[in-house]
């Protein structure tokens, strides 16, 4: 009988005072998936463009390896997000070359981002010019498919793109905005200052810091 009375008393107390626990939504996991990662990448490129690649993002703002690899997994998605545009540029300009060469390609894209004379988004940087004709990056105007076909090389390119967006990639090029392959002799090279030679590429920056 005593146990029954205690149970009844507790039930009454709970009916009066027990309330559902409130959920702290600020502590819930953030949205995940390629779309969410693309949004994060967009914020990172805006940060890089505005801060001149000098203000590192917070840990919660950075893209991790798993997130980066989940974006454009087959290498055939449209070129409409920062990770895909940067990774495809690294892939097509330097696939099969050393990691240093691939990182240097990413450096040039990031150095151009937000620099006076260049666009404020990575996709617009790499697509600057005409797809068939004059363009800034050769892969964009060769008239061939832009789909990445070598899984390992493309995975490496996406990892480099991730680090570049996170501002975790050292600039190997000395602030270069231009490059060409060693076996080329472009007419414009004489107008710029050579910064460094890395693998198969030669890098330059404008004299006086102004892009042309």
C-alpha atoms as a PDB file:
ATOM      1  CA  UNK A   1       0.000   0.000   0.000  1.00  0.00           C
ATOM      2  CA  UNK A   2       2.811   2.414   0.897  1.00  0.00           C
ATOM      3  CA  UNK A   3       4.520   1.764  -2.439  1.00  0.00           C
ATOM      4  CA  UNK A   4       1.291   2.540  -4.278  1.00  0.00           C
ATOM      5  CA  UNK A   5       0.910   5.866  -2.447  1.00  0.00           C
ATOM      6  CA  UNK A   6       4.511   6.871  -3.235  1.00  0.00           C
ATOM      7  CA  UNK A   7       4.062   6.030  -6.913  1.00  0.00           C
ATOM      8  CA  UNK A   8       0.832   8.039  -7.071  1.00  0.00           C
ATOM      9  CA  UNK A   9       2.489  11.001  -5.374  1.00  0.00           C
ATOM     10  CA  UNK A  10       5.392  10.976  -7.847  1.00  0.00           C
ATOM     11  CA  UNK A  11       2.981  10.791 -10.763  1.00  0.00           C
ATOM     12  CA  UNK A  12       1.110  13.869  -9.518  1.00  0.00           C
ATOM     13  CA  UNK A  13       4.367  15.790  -9.001  1.00  0.00           C
ATOM     14  CA  UNK A  14       5.541  14.914 -12.491  1.00  0.00           C
ATOM     15  CA  UNK A  15       2.247  16.002 -14.037  1.00  0.00           C
ATOM     16  CA  UNK A  16       2.631  19.376 -12.405  1.00  0.00           C
ATOM     17  CA  UNK A  17       6.361  20.009 -12.683  1.00  0.00           C
ATOM     18  CA  UNK A  18       7.858  17.823 -15.392  1.00  0.00           C
ATOM     19  CA  UNK A  19       8.340  19.660 -18.673  1.00  0.00           C
ATOM     20  CA  UNK A  20       9.871  18.337 -21.888  1.00  0.00           C
ATOM     21  CA  UNK A  21      13.548  19.138 -22.084  1.00  0.00           C
ATOM     22  CA  UNK A  22      14.290  21.968 -24.492  1.00  0.00           C
ATOM     23  CA  UNK A  23      16.565  21.105 -27.398  1.00  0.00           C
ATOM     24  CA  UNK A  24      19.567  23.352 -27.862  1.00  0.00           C
ATOM     25  CA  UNK A  25      19.600  23.570 -31.635  1.00  0.00           C
ATOM     26  CA  UNK A  26      22.898  25.456 -31.615  1.00  0.00           C
ATOM     27  CA  UNK A  27      24.574  22.238 -30.469  1.00  0.00           C
ATOM     28  CA  UNK A  28      23.005  20.052 -33.150  1.00  0.00           C
ATOM     29  CA  UNK A  29      25.213  18.732 -35.963  1.00  0.00           C
ATOM     30  CA  UNK A  30      25.404  21.029 -38.963  1.00  0.00           C
ATOM     31  CA  UNK A  31      23.885  20.012 -42.270  1.00  0.00           C
ATOM     32  CA  UNK A  32      26.114  17.632 -44.185  1.00  0.00           C
ATOM     33  CA  UNK A  33      26.475  16.511 -47.775  1.00  0.00           C
ATOM     34  CA  UNK A  34      27.945  17.963 -50.975  1.00  0.00           C
ATOM     35  CA  UNK A  35      25.527  20.919 -51.065  1.00  0.00           C
ATOM     36  CA  UNK A  36      26.439  21.948 -47.520  1.00  0.00           C
ATOM     37  CA  UNK A  37      30.149  21.555 -48.306  1.00  0.00           C
ATOM     38  CA  UNK A  38      29.771  23.688 -51.424  1.00  0.00           C
ATOM     39  CA  UNK A  39      28.202  26.417 -49.266  1.00  0.00           C
ATOM     40  CA  UNK A  40      31.101  26.174 -46.849  1.00  0.00           C
ATOM     41  CA  UNK A  41      33.540  26.427 -49.760  1.00  0.00           C
ATOM     42  CA  UNK A  42      31.738  29.521 -51.023  1.00  0.00           C
ATOM     43  CA  UNK A  43      32.206  31.199 -47.638  1.00  0.00           C
ATOM     44  CA  UNK A  44      35.882  30.226 -47.642  1.00  0.00           C
ATOM     45  CA  UNK A  45      36.513  31.678 -51.097  1.00  0.00           C
ATOM     46  CA  UNK A  46      34.791  34.912 -50.058  1.00  0.00           C
ATOM     47  CA  UNK A  47      37.046  35.061 -47.019  1.00  0.00           C
ATOM     48  CA  UNK A  48      40.128  34.478 -49.163  1.00  0.00           C
ATOM     49  CA  UNK A  49      39.084  37.061 -51.744  1.00  0.00           C
ATOM     50  CA  UNK A  50      38.332  39.719 -49.131  1.00  0.00           C
ATOM     51  CA  UNK A  51      41.305  39.101 -46.860  1.00  0.00           C
ATOM     52  CA  UNK A  52      43.952  38.529 -49.487  1.00  0.00           C
ATOM     53  CA  UNK A  53      44.575  34.965 -48.269  1.00  0.00           C
ATOM     54  CA  UNK A  54      45.781  36.135 -44.846  1.00  0.00           C
ATOM     55  CA  UNK A  55      42.880  35.537 -42.462  1.00  0.00           C
ATOM     56  CA  UNK A  56      42.605  31.834 -41.592  1.00  0.00           C
ATOM     57  CA  UNK A  57      39.097  30.474 -41.017  1.00  0.00           C
ATOM     58  CA  UNK A  58      38.059  28.948 -37.711  1.00  0.00           C
ATOM     59  CA  UNK A  59      38.193  25.129 -37.373  1.00  0.00           C
ATOM     60  CA  UNK A  60      34.405  24.902 -37.663  1.00  0.00           C
ATOM     61  CA  UNK A  61      34.511  26.774 -40.978  1.00  0.00           C
ATOM     62  CA  UNK A  62      37.122  24.595 -42.651  1.00  0.00           C
ATOM     63  CA  UNK A  63      36.400  21.687 -44.988  1.00  0.00           C
ATOM     64  CA  UNK A  64      37.573  18.247 -43.911  1.00  0.00           C
ATOM     65  CA  UNK A  65      38.889  15.485 -46.186  1.00  0.00           C
ATOM     66  CA  UNK A  66      35.672  13.494 -46.232  1.00  0.00           C
ATOM     67  CA  UNK A  67      33.597  16.547 -47.150  1.00  0.00           C
ATOM     68  CA  UNK A  68      35.910  17.518 -50.003  1.00  0.00           C
ATOM     69  CA  UNK A  69      36.019  14.036 -51.507  1.00  0.00           C
ATOM     70  CA  UNK A  70      32.203  13.790 -51.447  1.00  0.00           C
ATOM     71  CA  UNK A  71      31.880  16.773 -53.786  1.00  0.00           C
ATOM     72  CA  UNK A  72      31.767  15.811 -57.477  1.00  0.00           C
ATOM     73  CA  UNK A  73      32.807  12.199 -56.733  1.00  0.00           C
ATOM     74  CA  UNK A  74      32.839  11.069 -60.389  1.00  0.00           C
ATOM     75  CA  UNK A  75      34.575  14.154 -61.771  1.00  0.00           C
ATOM     76  CA  UNK A  76      31.727  15.030 -64.090  1.00  0.00           C
ATOM     77  CA  UNK A  77      29.546  17.556 -62.258  1.00  0.00           C
ATOM     78  CA  UNK A  78      28.942  21.048 -63.675  1.00  0.00           C
ATOM     79  CA  UNK A  79      31.615  23.614 -62.889  1.00  0.00           C
ATOM     80  CA  UNK A  80      29.572  25.702 -60.492  1.00  0.00           C
ATOM     81  CA  UNK A  81      31.209  25.401 -57.065  1.00  0.00           C
ATOM     82  CA  UNK A  82      34.596  26.428 -55.693  1.00  0.00           C
ATOM     83  CA  UNK A  83      35.904  22.940 -54.897  1.00  0.00           C
ATOM     84  CA  UNK A  84      35.025  21.512 -58.309  1.00  0.00           C
ATOM     85  CA  UNK A  85      36.396  24.469 -60.274  1.00  0.00           C
ATOM     86  CA  UNK A  86      39.650  24.532 -58.336  1.00  0.00           C
ATOM     87  CA  UNK A  87      40.131  20.762 -58.302  1.00  0.00           C
ATOM     88  CA  UNK A  88      39.477  20.449 -62.042  1.00  0.00           C
ATOM     89  CA  UNK A  89      42.002  23.207 -62.744  1.00  0.00           C
ATOM     90  CA  UNK A  90      44.639  21.475 -60.634  1.00  0.00           C
ATOM     91  CA  UNK A  91      43.803  18.151 -62.287  1.00  0.00           C
ATOM     92  CA  UNK A  92      43.856  19.300 -65.891  1.00  0.00           C
ATOM     93  CA  UNK A  93      46.838  21.635 -65.601  1.00  0.00           C
ATOM     94  CA  UNK A  94      49.084  19.293 -63.623  1.00  0.00           C
ATOM     95  CA  UNK A  95      47.718  15.754 -63.447  1.00  0.00           C
ATOM     96  CA  UNK A  96      50.570  13.248 -63.609  1.00  0.00           C
ATOM     97  CA  UNK A  97      53.021  15.820 -62.244  1.00  0.00           C
ATOM     98  CA  UNK A  98      54.510  16.002 -58.744  1.00  0.00           C
ATOM     99  CA  UNK A  99      52.451  17.220 -55.786  1.00  0.00           C
ATOM    100  CA  UNK A 100      54.494  20.425 -55.748  1.00  0.00           C
ATOM    101  CA  UNK A 101      53.423  21.207 -59.316  1.00  0.00           C
ATOM    102  CA  UNK A 102      49.774  20.593 -58.480  1.00  0.00           C
ATOM    103  CA  UNK A 103      49.947  22.753 -55.363  1.00  0.00           C
ATOM    104  CA  UNK A 104      51.591  25.554 -57.334  1.00  0.00           C
ATOM    105  CA  UNK A 105      48.653  25.588 -59.781  1.00  0.00           C
ATOM    106  CA  UNK A 106      46.311  26.001 -56.806  1.00  0.00           C
ATOM    107  CA  UNK A 107      48.534  28.808 -55.512  1.00  0.00           C
ATOM    108  CA  UNK A 108      48.141  30.789 -58.732  1.00  0.00           C
ATOM    109  CA  UNK A 109      44.351  30.443 -58.683  1.00  0.00           C
ATOM    110  CA  UNK A 110      44.165  31.523 -55.041  1.00  0.00           C
ATOM    111  CA  UNK A 111      46.587  34.403 -55.643  1.00  0.00           C
ATOM    112  CA  UNK A 112      44.335  35.631 -58.434  1.00  0.00           C
ATOM    113  CA  UNK A 113      41.185  35.340 -56.345  1.00  0.00           C
ATOM    114  CA  UNK A 114      40.134  38.847 -55.379  1.00  0.00           C
ATOM    115  CA  UNK A 115      43.322  40.396 -56.772  1.00  0.00           C
ATOM    116  CA  UNK A 116      42.721  43.603 -58.687  1.00  0.00           C
ATOM    117  CA  UNK A 117      42.110  42.680 -62.288  1.00  0.00           C
ATOM    118  CA  UNK A 118      40.738  39.209 -61.528  1.00  0.00           C
ATOM    119  CA  UNK A 119      37.306  37.929 -60.449  1.00  0.00           C
ATOM    120  CA  UNK A 120      36.166  37.325 -56.868  1.00  0.00           C
ATOM    121  CA  UNK A 121      35.147  33.687 -57.291  1.00  0.00           C
ATOM    122  CA  UNK A 122      37.294  30.686 -58.149  1.00  0.00           C
ATOM    123  CA  UNK A 123      35.003  29.517 -60.946  1.00  0.00           C
ATOM    124  CA  UNK A 124      35.164  32.920 -62.611  1.00  0.00           C
ATOM    125  CA  UNK A 125      38.943  33.011 -62.186  1.00  0.00           C
ATOM    126  CA  UNK A 126      39.466  29.699 -63.946  1.00  0.00           C
ATOM    127  CA  UNK A 127      36.819  30.388 -66.605  1.00  0.00           C
ATOM    128  CA  UNK A 128      38.118  33.859 -67.416  1.00  0.00           C
ATOM    129  CA  UNK A 129      38.285  34.257 -71.168  1.00  0.00           C
ATOM    130  CA  UNK A 130      36.468  32.235 -73.815  1.00  0.00           C
ATOM    131  CA  UNK A 131      36.036  28.475 -73.696  1.00  0.00           C
ATOM    132  CA  UNK A 132      37.260  28.203 -77.269  1.00  0.00           C
ATOM    133  CA  UNK A 133      39.831  30.877 -77.923  1.00  0.00           C
ATOM    134  CA  UNK A 134      41.716  33.147 -75.551  1.00  0.00           C
ATOM    135  CA  UNK A 135      41.572  32.006 -71.920  1.00  0.00           C
ATOM    136  CA  UNK A 136      43.649  32.056 -68.762  1.00  0.00           C
ATOM    137  CA  UNK A 137      43.929  28.280 -68.221  1.00  0.00           C
ATOM    138  CA  UNK A 138      44.531  25.992 -71.176  1.00  0.00           C
ATOM    139  CA  UNK A 139      42.182  23.202 -70.104  1.00  0.00           C
ATOM    140  CA  UNK A 140      39.221  25.547 -70.184  1.00  0.00           C
ATOM    141  CA  UNK A 141      39.645  26.521 -73.850  1.00  0.00           C
ATOM    142  CA  UNK A 142      40.881  23.322 -75.492  1.00  0.00           C
ATOM    143  CA  UNK A 143      37.400  22.362 -76.697  1.00  0.00           C
ATOM    144  CA  UNK A 144      37.576  18.925 -75.088  1.00  0.00           C
ATOM    145  CA  UNK A 145      35.601  17.306 -72.276  1.00  0.00           C
ATOM    146  CA  UNK A 146      36.298  18.744 -68.822  1.00  0.00           C
ATOM    147  CA  UNK A 147      35.387  15.516 -67.021  1.00  0.00           C
ATOM    148  CA  UNK A 148      38.118  14.108 -64.765  1.00  0.00           C
ATOM    149  CA  UNK A 149      38.805  10.480 -65.610  1.00  0.00           C
ATOM    150  CA  UNK A 150      41.743   9.456 -63.396  1.00  0.00           C
ATOM    151  CA  UNK A 151      40.329   8.827 -59.929  1.00  0.00           C
ATOM    152  CA  UNK A 152      43.585   8.941 -57.981  1.00  0.00           C
ATOM    153  CA  UNK A 153      44.837  12.145 -59.582  1.00  0.00           C
ATOM    154  CA  UNK A 154      41.467  13.794 -59.143  1.00  0.00           C
ATOM    155  CA  UNK A 155      41.276  12.737 -55.499  1.00  0.00           C
ATOM    156  CA  UNK A 156      44.699  14.338 -54.971  1.00  0.00           C
ATOM    157  CA  UNK A 157      43.538  17.488 -56.745  1.00  0.00           C
ATOM    158  CA  UNK A 158      40.492  17.747 -54.477  1.00  0.00           C
ATOM    159  CA  UNK A 159      42.641  17.346 -51.374  1.00  0.00           C
ATOM    160  CA  UNK A 160      44.899  20.160 -52.578  1.00  0.00           C
ATOM    161  CA  UNK A 161      41.849  22.288 -53.372  1.00  0.00           C
ATOM    162  CA  UNK A 162      40.533  21.651 -49.860  1.00  0.00           C
ATOM    163  CA  UNK A 163      43.781  22.831 -48.277  1.00  0.00           C
ATOM    164  CA  UNK A 164      43.905  25.874 -50.536  1.00  0.00           C
ATOM    165  CA  UNK A 165      40.368  26.945 -49.585  1.00  0.00           C
ATOM    166  CA  UNK A 166      41.170  26.371 -45.904  1.00  0.00           C
ATOM    167  CA  UNK A 167      44.263  28.592 -46.344  1.00  0.00           C
ATOM    168  CA  UNK A 168      46.373  25.635 -45.239  1.00  0.00           C
ATOM    169  CA  UNK A 169      48.507  25.550 -48.384  1.00  0.00           C
ATOM    170  CA  UNK A 170      51.908  27.247 -48.471  1.00  0.00           C
ATOM    171  CA  UNK A 171      52.392  29.516 -51.464  1.00  0.00           C
ATOM    172  CA  UNK A 172      55.243  27.880 -53.365  1.00  0.00           C
ATOM    173  CA  UNK A 173      55.102  30.456 -56.157  1.00  0.00           C
ATOM    174  CA  UNK A 174      56.100  33.642 -54.331  1.00  0.00           C
ATOM    175  CA  UNK A 175      52.814  35.366 -55.080  1.00  0.00           C
ATOM    176  CA  UNK A 176      52.697  34.433 -58.767  1.00  0.00           C
ATOM    177  CA  UNK A 177      49.674  35.271 -60.885  1.00  0.00           C
ATOM    178  CA  UNK A 178      50.888  33.731 -64.135  1.00  0.00           C
ATOM    179  CA  UNK A 179      52.587  30.556 -65.281  1.00  0.00           C
ATOM    180  CA  UNK A 180      53.618  28.620 -68.337  1.00  0.00           C
ATOM    181  CA  UNK A 181      55.167  25.251 -69.014  1.00  0.00           C
ATOM    182  CA  UNK A 182      58.935  25.050 -69.317  1.00  0.00           C
ATOM    183  CA  UNK A 183      58.766  24.061 -72.961  1.00  0.00           C
ATOM    184  CA  UNK A 184      56.790  27.187 -73.876  1.00  0.00           C
ATOM    185  CA  UNK A 185      58.065  30.702 -74.562  1.00  0.00           C
ATOM    186  CA  UNK A 186      55.023  33.007 -74.386  1.00  0.00           C
ATOM    187  CA  UNK A 187      55.481  36.549 -75.629  1.00  0.00           C
ATOM    188  CA  UNK A 188      54.030  38.014 -72.416  1.00  0.00           C
ATOM    189  CA  UNK A 189      56.665  36.523 -70.082  1.00  0.00           C
ATOM    190  CA  UNK A 190      59.192  39.318 -70.711  1.00  0.00           C
ATOM    191  CA  UNK A 191      56.759  41.865 -69.256  1.00  0.00           C
ATOM    192  CA  UNK A 192      56.643  40.127 -65.850  1.00  0.00           C
ATOM    193  CA  UNK A 193      59.018  39.163 -63.060  1.00  0.00           C
ATOM    194  CA  UNK A 194      59.840  35.475 -62.773  1.00  0.00           C
ATOM    195  CA  UNK A 195      59.341  34.269 -59.218  1.00  0.00           C
ATOM    196  CA  UNK A 196      60.245  30.575 -59.299  1.00  0.00           C
ATOM    197  CA  UNK A 197      60.455  27.418 -61.387  1.00  0.00           C
ATOM    198  CA  UNK A 198      58.627  24.369 -60.015  1.00  0.00           C
ATOM    199  CA  UNK A 199      58.689  21.066 -61.830  1.00  0.00           C
ATOM    200  CA  UNK A 200      57.295  21.579 -65.310  1.00  0.00           C
ATOM    201  CA  UNK A 201      56.212  25.186 -64.733  1.00  0.00           C
ATOM    202  CA  UNK A 202      57.654  28.695 -64.579  1.00  0.00           C
ATOM    203  CA  UNK A 203      55.842  31.319 -62.484  1.00  0.00           C
ATOM    204  CA  UNK A 204      55.598  35.097 -62.735  1.00  0.00           C
ATOM    205  CA  UNK A 205      54.120  38.117 -61.029  1.00  0.00           C
ATOM    206  CA  UNK A 206      53.516  41.623 -62.380  1.00  0.00           C
ATOM    207  CA  UNK A 207      56.143  44.293 -61.984  1.00  0.00           C
ATOM    208  CA  UNK A 208      54.724  46.789 -59.549  1.00  0.00           C
ATOM    209  CA  UNK A 209      52.047  44.344 -58.410  1.00  0.00           C
ATOM    210  CA  UNK A 210      49.380  45.325 -60.945  1.00  0.00           C
ATOM    211  CA  UNK A 211      47.768  42.649 -63.077  1.00  0.00           C
ATOM    212  CA  UNK A 212      47.401  43.255 -66.812  1.00  0.00           C
END
